[in-house]
Amino acid sequence: MKSRHARDYMRKLLRGYREYFGRGPALNSDGRRLLNDIVRELAKEGGELASIGRRVRRDPTLENVVKLARLMLGREADELLAEGAYGLLEGVEEG
């Protein structure tokens, strides 16, 4: 995959889990805007990822976004999602 912009947008989306995902968990309006940017960049390249991106845009659940992210970023996607979902817990002292 050539699109550096699409990968950067996906990283931002996963790191900002609490900001971009709402109930369900599905993308909120800000997350959908970012997903649209990702799909637009993928469409410039064409190919299978563009097609998958369009399907994810129709049903932007966490599961579908993560599937696309894994195709785009590989293992990094899981690391970024964990960082985004649990990053707010860093620095919290136990006890």
PDB file of N, CA and C in Angstrom:
ATOM      1  N   MET A   1       0.846  -1.177   0.000  1.00  0.00           N
ATOM      2  CA  MET A   1       0.000   0.000   0.000  1.00  0.00           C
ATOM      3  C   MET A   1       0.884   1.230   0.000  1.00  0.00           C
ATOM      4  N   LYS A   2       0.592   2.137  -0.876  1.00  0.00           N
ATOM      5  CA  LYS A   2       1.438   3.301  -1.054  1.00  0.00           C
ATOM      6  C   LYS A   2       0.998   4.506  -0.235  1.00  0.00           C
ATOM      7  N   SER A   3      -0.275   4.629   0.037  1.00  0.00           N
ATOM      8  CA  SER A   3      -0.801   5.856   0.622  1.00  0.00           C
ATOM      9  C   SER A   3      -0.365   6.051   2.071  1.00  0.00           C
ATOM     10  N   ARG A   4       0.605   6.899   2.244  1.00  0.00           N
ATOM     11  CA  ARG A   4       1.077   7.240   3.588  1.00  0.00           C
ATOM     12  C   ARG A   4      -0.026   7.978   4.344  1.00  0.00           C
ATOM     13  N   HIS A   5      -0.791   8.817   3.623  1.00  0.00           N
ATOM     14  CA  HIS A   5      -1.850   9.588   4.267  1.00  0.00           C
ATOM     15  C   HIS A   5      -2.924   8.671   4.851  1.00  0.00           C
ATOM     16  N   ALA A   6      -3.331   7.654   4.107  1.00  0.00           N
ATOM     17  CA  ALA A   6      -4.349   6.727   4.602  1.00  0.00           C
ATOM     18  C   ALA A   6      -3.855   6.016   5.855  1.00  0.00           C
ATOM     19  N   ARG A   7      -2.601   5.583   5.855  1.00  0.00           N
ATOM     20  CA  ARG A   7      -2.046   4.917   7.044  1.00  0.00           C
ATOM     21  C   ARG A   7      -1.985   5.880   8.228  1.00  0.00           C
ATOM     22  N   ASP A   8      -1.586   7.116   7.983  1.00  0.00           N
ATOM     23  CA  ASP A   8      -1.521   8.105   9.062  1.00  0.00           C
ATOM     24  C   ASP A   8      -2.905   8.387   9.641  1.00  0.00           C
ATOM     25  N   TYR A   9      -3.910   8.507   8.768  1.00  0.00           N
ATOM     26  CA  TYR A   9      -5.276   8.724   9.241  1.00  0.00           C
ATOM     27  C   TYR A   9      -5.765   7.538  10.066  1.00  0.00           C
ATOM     28  N   MET A  10      -5.439   6.321   9.616  1.00  0.00           N
ATOM     29  CA  MET A  10      -5.864   5.135  10.359  1.00  0.00           C
ATOM     30  C   MET A  10      -5.186   5.100  11.723  1.00  0.00           C
ATOM     31  N   ARG A  11      -3.922   5.437  11.782  1.00  0.00           N
ATOM     32  CA  ARG A  11      -3.228   5.484  13.077  1.00  0.00           C
ATOM     33  C   ARG A  11      -3.908   6.478  14.014  1.00  0.00           C
ATOM     34  N   LYS A  12      -4.260   7.625  13.490  1.00  0.00           N
ATOM     35  CA  LYS A  12      -4.936   8.647  14.292  1.00  0.00           C
ATOM     36  C   LYS A  12      -6.280   8.124  14.801  1.00  0.00           C
ATOM     37  N   LEU A  13      -7.013   7.433  13.944  1.00  0.00           N
ATOM     38  CA  LEU A  13      -8.316   6.891  14.316  1.00  0.00           C
ATOM     39  C   LEU A  13      -8.185   5.870  15.443  1.00  0.00           C
ATOM     40  N   LEU A  14      -7.217   4.976  15.342  1.00  0.00           N
ATOM     41  CA  LEU A  14      -7.051   3.940  16.359  1.00  0.00           C
ATOM     42  C   LEU A  14      -6.507   4.508  17.665  1.00  0.00           C
ATOM     43  N   ARG A  15      -5.567   5.430  17.576  1.00  0.00           N
ATOM     44  CA  ARG A  15      -5.023   6.044  18.797  1.00  0.00           C
ATOM     45  C   ARG A  15      -6.081   6.854  19.534  1.00  0.00           C
ATOM     46  N   GLY A  16      -7.008   7.423  18.786  1.00  0.00           N
ATOM     47  CA  GLY A  16      -8.055   8.247  19.382  1.00  0.00           C
ATOM     48  C   GLY A  16      -9.338   7.482  19.620  1.00  0.00           C
ATOM     49  N   TYR A  17      -9.217   6.244  20.033  1.00  0.00           N
ATOM     50  CA  TYR A  17     -10.388   5.373  20.212  1.00  0.00           C
ATOM     51  C   TYR A  17     -11.495   6.069  20.995  1.00  0.00           C
ATOM     52  N   ARG A  18     -11.158   6.638  22.127  1.00  0.00           N
ATOM     53  CA  ARG A  18     -12.188   7.246  22.983  1.00  0.00           C
ATOM     54  C   ARG A  18     -12.790   8.499  22.361  1.00  0.00           C
ATOM     55  N   GLU A  19     -12.060   9.124  21.477  1.00  0.00           N
ATOM     56  CA  GLU A  19     -12.546  10.329  20.810  1.00  0.00           C
ATOM     57  C   GLU A  19     -13.416  10.011  19.594  1.00  0.00           C
ATOM     58  N   TYR A  20     -13.087   8.929  18.878  1.00  0.00           N
ATOM     59  CA  TYR A  20     -13.729   8.660  17.592  1.00  0.00           C
ATOM     60  C   TYR A  20     -14.767   7.545  17.608  1.00  0.00           C
ATOM     61  N   PHE A  21     -14.830   6.764  18.673  1.00  0.00           N
ATOM     62  CA  PHE A  21     -15.815   5.692  18.756  1.00  0.00           C
ATOM     63  C   PHE A  21     -16.827   6.018  19.837  1.00  0.00           C
ATOM     64  N   GLY A  22     -18.088   5.755  19.530  1.00  0.00           N
ATOM     65  CA  GLY A  22     -19.151   5.998  20.491  1.00  0.00           C
ATOM     66  C   GLY A  22     -19.702   4.688  21.003  1.00  0.00           C
ATOM     67  N   ARG A  23     -21.000   4.693  21.215  1.00  0.00           N
ATOM     68  CA  ARG A  23     -21.656   3.486  21.709  1.00  0.00           C
ATOM     69  C   ARG A  23     -21.705   2.440  20.622  1.00  0.00           C
ATOM     70  N   GLY A  24     -21.752   1.224  21.049  1.00  0.00           N
ATOM     71  CA  GLY A  24     -21.970   0.170  20.067  1.00  0.00           C
ATOM     72  C   GLY A  24     -20.917  -0.898  19.999  1.00  0.00           C
ATOM     73  N   PRO A  25     -19.669  -0.705  19.960  1.00  0.00           N
ATOM     74  CA  PRO A  25     -18.939   0.528  19.625  1.00  0.00           C
ATOM     75  C   PRO A  25     -18.907   0.745  18.113  1.00  0.00           C
ATOM     76  N   ALA A  26     -19.266   1.914  17.713  1.00  0.00           N
ATOM     77  CA  ALA A  26     -19.220   2.307  16.299  1.00  0.00           C
ATOM     78  C   ALA A  26     -18.650   3.714  16.221  1.00  0.00           C
ATOM     79  N   LEU A  27     -18.222   4.093  15.049  1.00  0.00           N
ATOM     80  CA  LEU A  27     -17.645   5.424  14.879  1.00  0.00           C
ATOM     81  C   LEU A  27     -18.693   6.502  15.121  1.00  0.00           C
ATOM     82  N   ASN A  28     -18.294   7.557  15.810  1.00  0.00           N
ATOM     83  CA  ASN A  28     -19.161   8.718  15.953  1.00  0.00           C
ATOM     84  C   ASN A  28     -18.962   9.614  14.730  1.00  0.00           C
ATOM     85  N   SER A  29     -19.553  10.796  14.727  1.00  0.00           N
ATOM     86  CA  SER A  29     -19.483  11.647  13.535  1.00  0.00           C
ATOM     87  C   SER A  29     -18.053  12.080  13.214  1.00  0.00           C
ATOM     88  N   ASP A  30     -17.247  12.382  14.230  1.00  0.00           N
ATOM     89  CA  ASP A  30     -15.848  12.747  13.975  1.00  0.00           C
ATOM     90  C   ASP A  30     -15.068  11.562  13.411  1.00  0.00           C
ATOM     91  N   GLY A  31     -15.341  10.382  13.932  1.00  0.00           N
ATOM     92  CA  GLY A  31     -14.688   9.182  13.434  1.00  0.00           C
ATOM     93  C   GLY A  31     -15.082   8.870  12.001  1.00  0.00           C
ATOM     94  N   ARG A  32     -16.345   9.105  11.680  1.00  0.00           N
ATOM     95  CA  ARG A  32     -16.801   8.878  10.304  1.00  0.00           C
ATOM     96  C   ARG A  32     -16.106   9.830   9.331  1.00  0.00           C
ATOM     97  N   ARG A  33     -15.901  11.076   9.760  1.00  0.00           N
ATOM     98  CA  ARG A  33     -15.187  12.027   8.895  1.00  0.00           C
ATOM     99  C   ARG A  33     -13.769  11.547   8.620  1.00  0.00           C
ATOM    100  N   LEU A  34     -13.118  11.047   9.660  1.00  0.00           N
ATOM    101  CA  LEU A  34     -11.759  10.543   9.486  1.00  0.00           C
ATOM    102  C   LEU A  34     -11.754   9.289   8.602  1.00  0.00           C
ATOM    103  N   LEU A  35     -12.734   8.408   8.794  1.00  0.00           N
ATOM    104  CA  LEU A  35     -12.846   7.225   7.937  1.00  0.00           C
ATOM    105  C   LEU A  35     -13.072   7.630   6.480  1.00  0.00           C
ATOM    106  N   ASN A  36     -13.870   8.658   6.254  1.00  0.00           N
ATOM    107  CA  ASN A  36     -14.073   9.142   4.882  1.00  0.00           C
ATOM    108  C   ASN A  36     -12.757   9.593   4.260  1.00  0.00           C
ATOM    109  N   ASP A  37     -11.904  10.242   5.052  1.00  0.00           N
ATOM    110  CA  ASP A  37     -10.585  10.646   4.551  1.00  0.00           C
ATOM    111  C   ASP A  37      -9.749   9.420   4.181  1.00  0.00           C
ATOM    112  N   ILE A  38      -9.826   8.389   5.013  1.00  0.00           N
ATOM    113  CA  ILE A  38      -9.086   7.152   4.744  1.00  0.00           C
ATOM    114  C   ILE A  38      -9.567   6.524   3.440  1.00  0.00           C
ATOM    115  N   VAL A  39     -10.884   6.390   3.302  1.00  0.00           N
ATOM    116  CA  VAL A  39     -11.455   5.756   2.110  1.00  0.00           C
ATOM    117  C   VAL A  39     -11.129   6.576   0.861  1.00  0.00           C
ATOM    118  N   ARG A  40     -11.160   7.893   0.986  1.00  0.00           N
ATOM    119  CA  ARG A  40     -10.819   8.750  -0.157  1.00  0.00           C
ATOM    120  C   ARG A  40      -9.379   8.509  -0.607  1.00  0.00           C
ATOM    121  N   GLU A  41      -8.456   8.406   0.353  1.00  0.00           N
ATOM    122  CA  GLU A  41      -7.053   8.139   0.013  1.00  0.00           C
ATOM    123  C   GLU A  41      -6.892   6.747  -0.609  1.00  0.00           C
ATOM    124  N   LEU A  42      -7.613   5.770  -0.075  1.00  0.00           N
ATOM    125  CA  LEU A  42      -7.544   4.417  -0.635  1.00  0.00           C
ATOM    126  C   LEU A  42      -8.120   4.377  -2.048  1.00  0.00           C
ATOM    127  N   ALA A  43      -9.172   5.158  -2.284  1.00  0.00           N
ATOM    128  CA  ALA A  43      -9.801   5.181  -3.606  1.00  0.00           C
ATOM    129  C   ALA A  43      -8.853   5.746  -4.661  1.00  0.00           C
ATOM    130  N   LYS A  44      -7.965   6.633  -4.250  1.00  0.00           N
ATOM    131  CA  LYS A  44      -6.991   7.184  -5.197  1.00  0.00           C
ATOM    132  C   LYS A  44      -6.087   6.088  -5.745  1.00  0.00           C
ATOM    133  N   GLU A  45      -5.822   5.080  -4.903  1.00  0.00           N
ATOM    134  CA  GLU A  45      -4.983   3.955  -5.314  1.00  0.00           C
ATOM    135  C   GLU A  45      -5.775   2.886  -6.042  1.00  0.00           C
ATOM    136  N   GLY A  46      -7.061   2.783  -5.713  1.00  0.00           N
ATOM    137  CA  GLY A  46      -7.878   1.714  -6.277  1.00  0.00           C
ATOM    138  C   GLY A  46      -7.540   0.397  -5.598  1.00  0.00           C
ATOM    139  N   GLY A  47      -8.025  -0.680  -6.135  1.00  0.00           N
ATOM    140  CA  GLY A  47      -7.702  -1.996  -5.610  1.00  0.00           C
ATOM    141  C   GLY A  47      -8.645  -2.483  -4.534  1.00  0.00           C
ATOM    142  N   GLU A  48      -8.260  -3.596  -3.941  1.00  0.00           N
ATOM    143  CA  GLU A  48      -9.107  -4.282  -2.967  1.00  0.00           C
ATOM    144  C   GLU A  48      -9.331  -3.466  -1.700  1.00  0.00           C
ATOM    145  N   LEU A  49      -8.312  -2.769  -1.218  1.00  0.00           N
ATOM    146  CA  LEU A  49      -8.479  -1.982   0.006  1.00  0.00           C
ATOM    147  C   LEU A  49      -9.520  -0.885  -0.168  1.00  0.00           C
ATOM    148  N   ALA A  50      -9.589  -0.289  -1.341  1.00  0.00           N
ATOM    149  CA  ALA A  50     -10.597   0.742  -1.600  1.00  0.00           C
ATOM    150  C   ALA A  50     -11.996   0.144  -1.496  1.00  0.00           C
ATOM    151  N   SER A  51     -12.170  -1.042  -2.035  1.00  0.00           N
ATOM    152  CA  SER A  51     -13.460  -1.725  -1.978  1.00  0.00           C
ATOM    153  C   SER A  51     -13.830  -2.071  -0.536  1.00  0.00           C
ATOM    154  N   ILE A  52     -12.875  -2.590   0.207  1.00  0.00           N
ATOM    155  CA  ILE A  52     -13.121  -2.928   1.610  1.00  0.00           C
ATOM    156  C   ILE A  52     -13.424  -1.664   2.405  1.00  0.00           C
ATOM    157  N   GLY A  53     -12.698  -0.599   2.126  1.00  0.00           N
ATOM    158  CA  GLY A  53     -12.934   0.674   2.808  1.00  0.00           C
ATOM    159  C   GLY A  53     -14.347   1.182   2.602  1.00  0.00           C
ATOM    160  N   ARG A  54     -14.859   1.049   1.398  1.00  0.00           N
ATOM    161  CA  ARG A  54     -16.237   1.479   1.126  1.00  0.00           C
ATOM    162  C   ARG A  54     -17.238   0.641   1.918  1.00  0.00           C
ATOM    163  N   ARG A  55     -16.964  -0.650   2.048  1.00  0.00           N
ATOM    164  CA  ARG A  55     -17.856  -1.511   2.844  1.00  0.00           C
ATOM    165  C   ARG A  55     -17.814  -1.130   4.318  1.00  0.00           C
ATOM    166  N   VAL A  56     -16.635  -0.814   4.818  1.00  0.00           N
ATOM    167  CA  VAL A  56     -16.500  -0.403   6.222  1.00  0.00           C
ATOM    168  C   VAL A  56     -17.236   0.913   6.441  1.00  0.00           C
ATOM    169  N   ARG A  57     -17.192   1.795   5.471  1.00  0.00           N
ATOM    170  CA  ARG A  57     -17.877   3.083   5.600  1.00  0.00           C
ATOM    171  C   ARG A  57     -19.385   2.882   5.748  1.00  0.00           C
ATOM    172  N   ARG A  58     -19.935   1.850   5.111  1.00  0.00           N
ATOM    173  CA  ARG A  58     -21.369   1.568   5.233  1.00  0.00           C
ATOM    174  C   ARG A  58     -21.739   1.027   6.612  1.00  0.00           C
ATOM    175  N   ASP A  59     -20.820   0.309   7.248  1.00  0.00           N
ATOM    176  CA  ASP A  59     -21.075  -0.290   8.566  1.00  0.00           C
ATOM    177  C   ASP A  59     -19.831  -0.082   9.436  1.00  0.00           C
ATOM    178  N   PRO A  60     -19.665   1.141   9.982  1.00  0.00           N
ATOM    179  CA  PRO A  60     -18.413   1.494  10.660  1.00  0.00           C
ATOM    180  C   PRO A  60     -18.330   1.032  12.118  1.00  0.00           C
ATOM    181  N   THR A  61     -18.466  -0.264  12.324  1.00  0.00           N
ATOM    182  CA  THR A  61     -18.320  -0.806  13.671  1.00  0.00           C
ATOM    183  C   THR A  61     -16.839  -0.968  13.994  1.00  0.00           C
ATOM    184  N   LEU A  62     -16.535  -1.122  15.265  1.00  0.00           N
ATOM    185  CA  LEU A  62     -15.155  -1.331  15.683  1.00  0.00           C
ATOM    186  C   LEU A  62     -14.567  -2.549  14.980  1.00  0.00           C
ATOM    187  N   GLU A  63     -15.328  -3.614  14.915  1.00  0.00           N
ATOM    188  CA  GLU A  63     -14.857  -4.854  14.285  1.00  0.00           C
ATOM    189  C   GLU A  63     -14.454  -4.618  12.826  1.00  0.00           C
ATOM    190  N   ASN A  64     -15.292  -3.923  12.084  1.00  0.00           N
ATOM    191  CA  ASN A  64     -14.995  -3.676  10.671  1.00  0.00           C
ATOM    192  C   ASN A  64     -13.818  -2.726  10.490  1.00  0.00           C
ATOM    193  N   VAL A  65     -13.742  -1.701  11.326  1.00  0.00           N
ATOM    194  CA  VAL A  65     -12.621  -0.762  11.243  1.00  0.00           C
ATOM    195  C   VAL A  65     -11.311  -1.485  11.545  1.00  0.00           C
ATOM    196  N   VAL A  66     -11.323  -2.360  12.544  1.00  0.00           N
ATOM    197  CA  VAL A  66     -10.106  -3.097  12.902  1.00  0.00           C
ATOM    198  C   VAL A  66      -9.696  -4.046  11.771  1.00  0.00           C
ATOM    199  N   LYS A  67     -10.655  -4.669  11.107  1.00  0.00           N
ATOM    200  CA  LYS A  67     -10.320  -5.535   9.964  1.00  0.00           C
ATOM    201  C   LYS A  67      -9.586  -4.743   8.890  1.00  0.00           C
ATOM    202  N   LEU A  68     -10.102  -3.561   8.569  1.00  0.00           N
ATOM    203  CA  LEU A  68      -9.445  -2.711   7.573  1.00  0.00           C
ATOM    204  C   LEU A  68      -8.073  -2.268   8.072  1.00  0.00           C
ATOM    205  N   ALA A  69      -8.002  -1.898   9.335  1.00  0.00           N
ATOM    206  CA  ALA A  69      -6.727  -1.445   9.904  1.00  0.00           C
ATOM    207  C   ALA A  69      -5.674  -2.545   9.851  1.00  0.00           C
ATOM    208  N   ARG A  70      -6.069  -3.770  10.126  1.00  0.00           N
ATOM    209  CA  ARG A  70      -5.109  -4.882  10.071  1.00  0.00           C
ATOM    210  C   ARG A  70      -4.599  -5.111   8.656  1.00  0.00           C
ATOM    211  N   LEU A  71      -5.462  -4.927   7.677  1.00  0.00           N
ATOM    212  CA  LEU A  71      -5.017  -5.053   6.284  1.00  0.00           C
ATOM    213  C   LEU A  71      -4.057  -3.926   5.907  1.00  0.00           C
ATOM    214  N   MET A  72      -4.285  -2.760   6.474  1.00  0.00           N
ATOM    215  CA  MET A  72      -3.452  -1.600   6.147  1.00  0.00           C
ATOM    216  C   MET A  72      -2.149  -1.568   6.934  1.00  0.00           C
ATOM    217  N   LEU A  73      -2.221  -1.928   8.229  1.00  0.00           N
ATOM    218  CA  LEU A  73      -1.092  -1.713   9.133  1.00  0.00           C
ATOM    219  C   LEU A  73      -0.492  -2.988   9.703  1.00  0.00           C
ATOM    220  N   GLY A  74      -1.157  -4.116   9.524  1.00  0.00           N
ATOM    221  CA  GLY A  74      -0.660  -5.358  10.101  1.00  0.00           C
ATOM    222  C   GLY A  74      -0.791  -5.352  11.619  1.00  0.00           C
ATOM    223  N   ARG A  75       0.208  -5.893  12.288  1.00  0.00           N
ATOM    224  CA  ARG A  75       0.176  -6.006  13.757  1.00  0.00           C
ATOM    225  C   ARG A  75       0.110  -4.656  14.460  1.00  0.00           C
ATOM    226  N   GLU A  76       0.629  -3.646  13.798  1.00  0.00           N
ATOM    227  CA  GLU A  76       0.620  -2.307  14.392  1.00  0.00           C
ATOM    228  C   GLU A  76      -0.801  -1.871  14.760  1.00  0.00           C
ATOM    229  N   ALA A  77      -1.796  -2.332  14.017  1.00  0.00           N
ATOM    230  CA  ALA A  77      -3.183  -1.951  14.267  1.00  0.00           C
ATOM    231  C   ALA A  77      -3.622  -2.350  15.672  1.00  0.00           C
ATOM    232  N   ASP A  78      -3.298  -3.561  16.089  1.00  0.00           N
ATOM    233  CA  ASP A  78      -3.687  -4.019  17.424  1.00  0.00           C
ATOM    234  C   ASP A  78      -2.981  -3.213  18.512  1.00  0.00           C
ATOM    235  N   GLU A  79      -1.713  -2.908  18.286  1.00  0.00           N
ATOM    236  CA  GLU A  79      -0.961  -2.118  19.259  1.00  0.00           C
ATOM    237  C   GLU A  79      -1.551  -0.717  19.395  1.00  0.00           C
ATOM    238  N   LEU A  80      -1.898  -0.105  18.275  1.00  0.00           N
ATOM    239  CA  LEU A  80      -2.464   1.242  18.306  1.00  0.00           C
ATOM    240  C   LEU A  80      -3.835   1.261  18.957  1.00  0.00           C
ATOM    241  N   LEU A  81      -4.640   0.233  18.694  1.00  0.00           N
ATOM    242  CA  LEU A  81      -5.961   0.165  19.306  1.00  0.00           C
ATOM    243  C   LEU A  81      -5.837   0.029  20.814  1.00  0.00           C
ATOM    244  N   ALA A  82      -4.924  -0.818  21.264  1.00  0.00           N
ATOM    245  CA  ALA A  82      -4.712  -0.969  22.705  1.00  0.00           C
ATOM    246  C   ALA A  82      -4.234   0.345  23.309  1.00  0.00           C
ATOM    247  N   GLU A  83      -3.350   1.017  22.610  1.00  0.00           N
ATOM    248  CA  GLU A  83      -2.851   2.312  23.085  1.00  0.00           C
ATOM    249  C   GLU A  83      -3.989   3.324  23.182  1.00  0.00           C
ATOM    250  N   GLY A  84      -4.860   3.342  22.186  1.00  0.00           N
ATOM    251  CA  GLY A  84      -5.971   4.284  22.178  1.00  0.00           C
ATOM    252  C   GLY A  84      -7.029   3.961  23.206  1.00  0.00           C
ATOM    253  N   ALA A  85      -7.349   2.692  23.350  1.00  0.00           N
ATOM    254  CA  ALA A  85      -8.413   2.291  24.272  1.00  0.00           C
ATOM    255  C   ALA A  85      -7.970   2.342  25.722  1.00  0.00           C
ATOM    256  N   TYR A  86      -6.706   2.067  25.974  1.00  0.00           N
ATOM    257  CA  TYR A  86      -6.240   1.983  27.356  1.00  0.00           C
ATOM    258  C   TYR A  86      -5.256   3.075  27.723  1.00  0.00           C
ATOM    259  N   GLY A  87      -4.939   3.946  26.779  1.00  0.00           N
ATOM    260  CA  GLY A  87      -3.951   4.985  27.014  1.00  0.00           C
ATOM    261  C   GLY A  87      -4.318   5.931  28.141  1.00  0.00           C
ATOM    262  N   LEU A  88      -5.596   6.119  28.383  1.00  0.00           N
ATOM    263  CA  LEU A  88      -6.008   7.030  29.443  1.00  0.00           C
ATOM    264  C   LEU A  88      -5.717   6.480  30.828  1.00  0.00           C
ATOM    265  N   LEU A  89      -5.459   5.183  30.923  1.00  0.00           N
ATOM    266  CA  LEU A  89      -5.182   4.577  32.222  1.00  0.00           C
ATOM    267  C   LEU A  89      -3.742   4.768  32.659  1.00  0.00           C
ATOM    268  N   GLU A  90      -2.865   5.154  31.726  1.00  0.00           N
ATOM    269  CA  GLU A  90      -1.468   5.347  32.082  1.00  0.00           C
ATOM    270  C   GLU A  90      -1.349   6.474  33.094  1.00  0.00           C
ATOM    271  N   GLY A  91      -0.513   6.287  34.040  1.00  0.00           N
ATOM    272  CA  GLY A  91      -0.286   7.308  35.046  1.00  0.00           C
ATOM    273  C   GLY A  91      -1.249   7.244  36.215  1.00  0.00           C
ATOM    274  N   VAL A  92      -2.249   6.372  36.134  1.00  0.00           N
ATOM    275  CA  VAL A  92      -3.184   6.218  37.241  1.00  0.00           C
ATOM    276  C   VAL A  92      -2.561   5.276  38.254  1.00  0.00           C
ATOM    277  N   GLU A  93      -2.468   5.729  39.482  1.00  0.00           N
ATOM    278  CA  GLU A  93      -1.850   4.907  40.521  1.00  0.00           C
ATOM    279  C   GLU A  93      -2.867   3.940  41.095  1.00  0.00           C
ATOM    280  N   GLU A  94      -2.383   2.756  41.411  1.00  0.00           N
ATOM    281  CA  GLU A  94      -3.252   1.747  42.019  1.00  0.00           C
ATOM    282  C   GLU A  94      -3.392   2.022  43.502  1.00  0.00           C
ATOM    283  N   GLY A  95      -4.531   1.583  44.019  1.00  0.00           N
ATOM    284  CA  GLY A  95      -4.686   1.565  45.445  1.00  0.00           C
ATOM    285  C   GLY A  95      -5.327   2.718  46.011  1.00  0.00           C
TER     286      GLY A  95
END
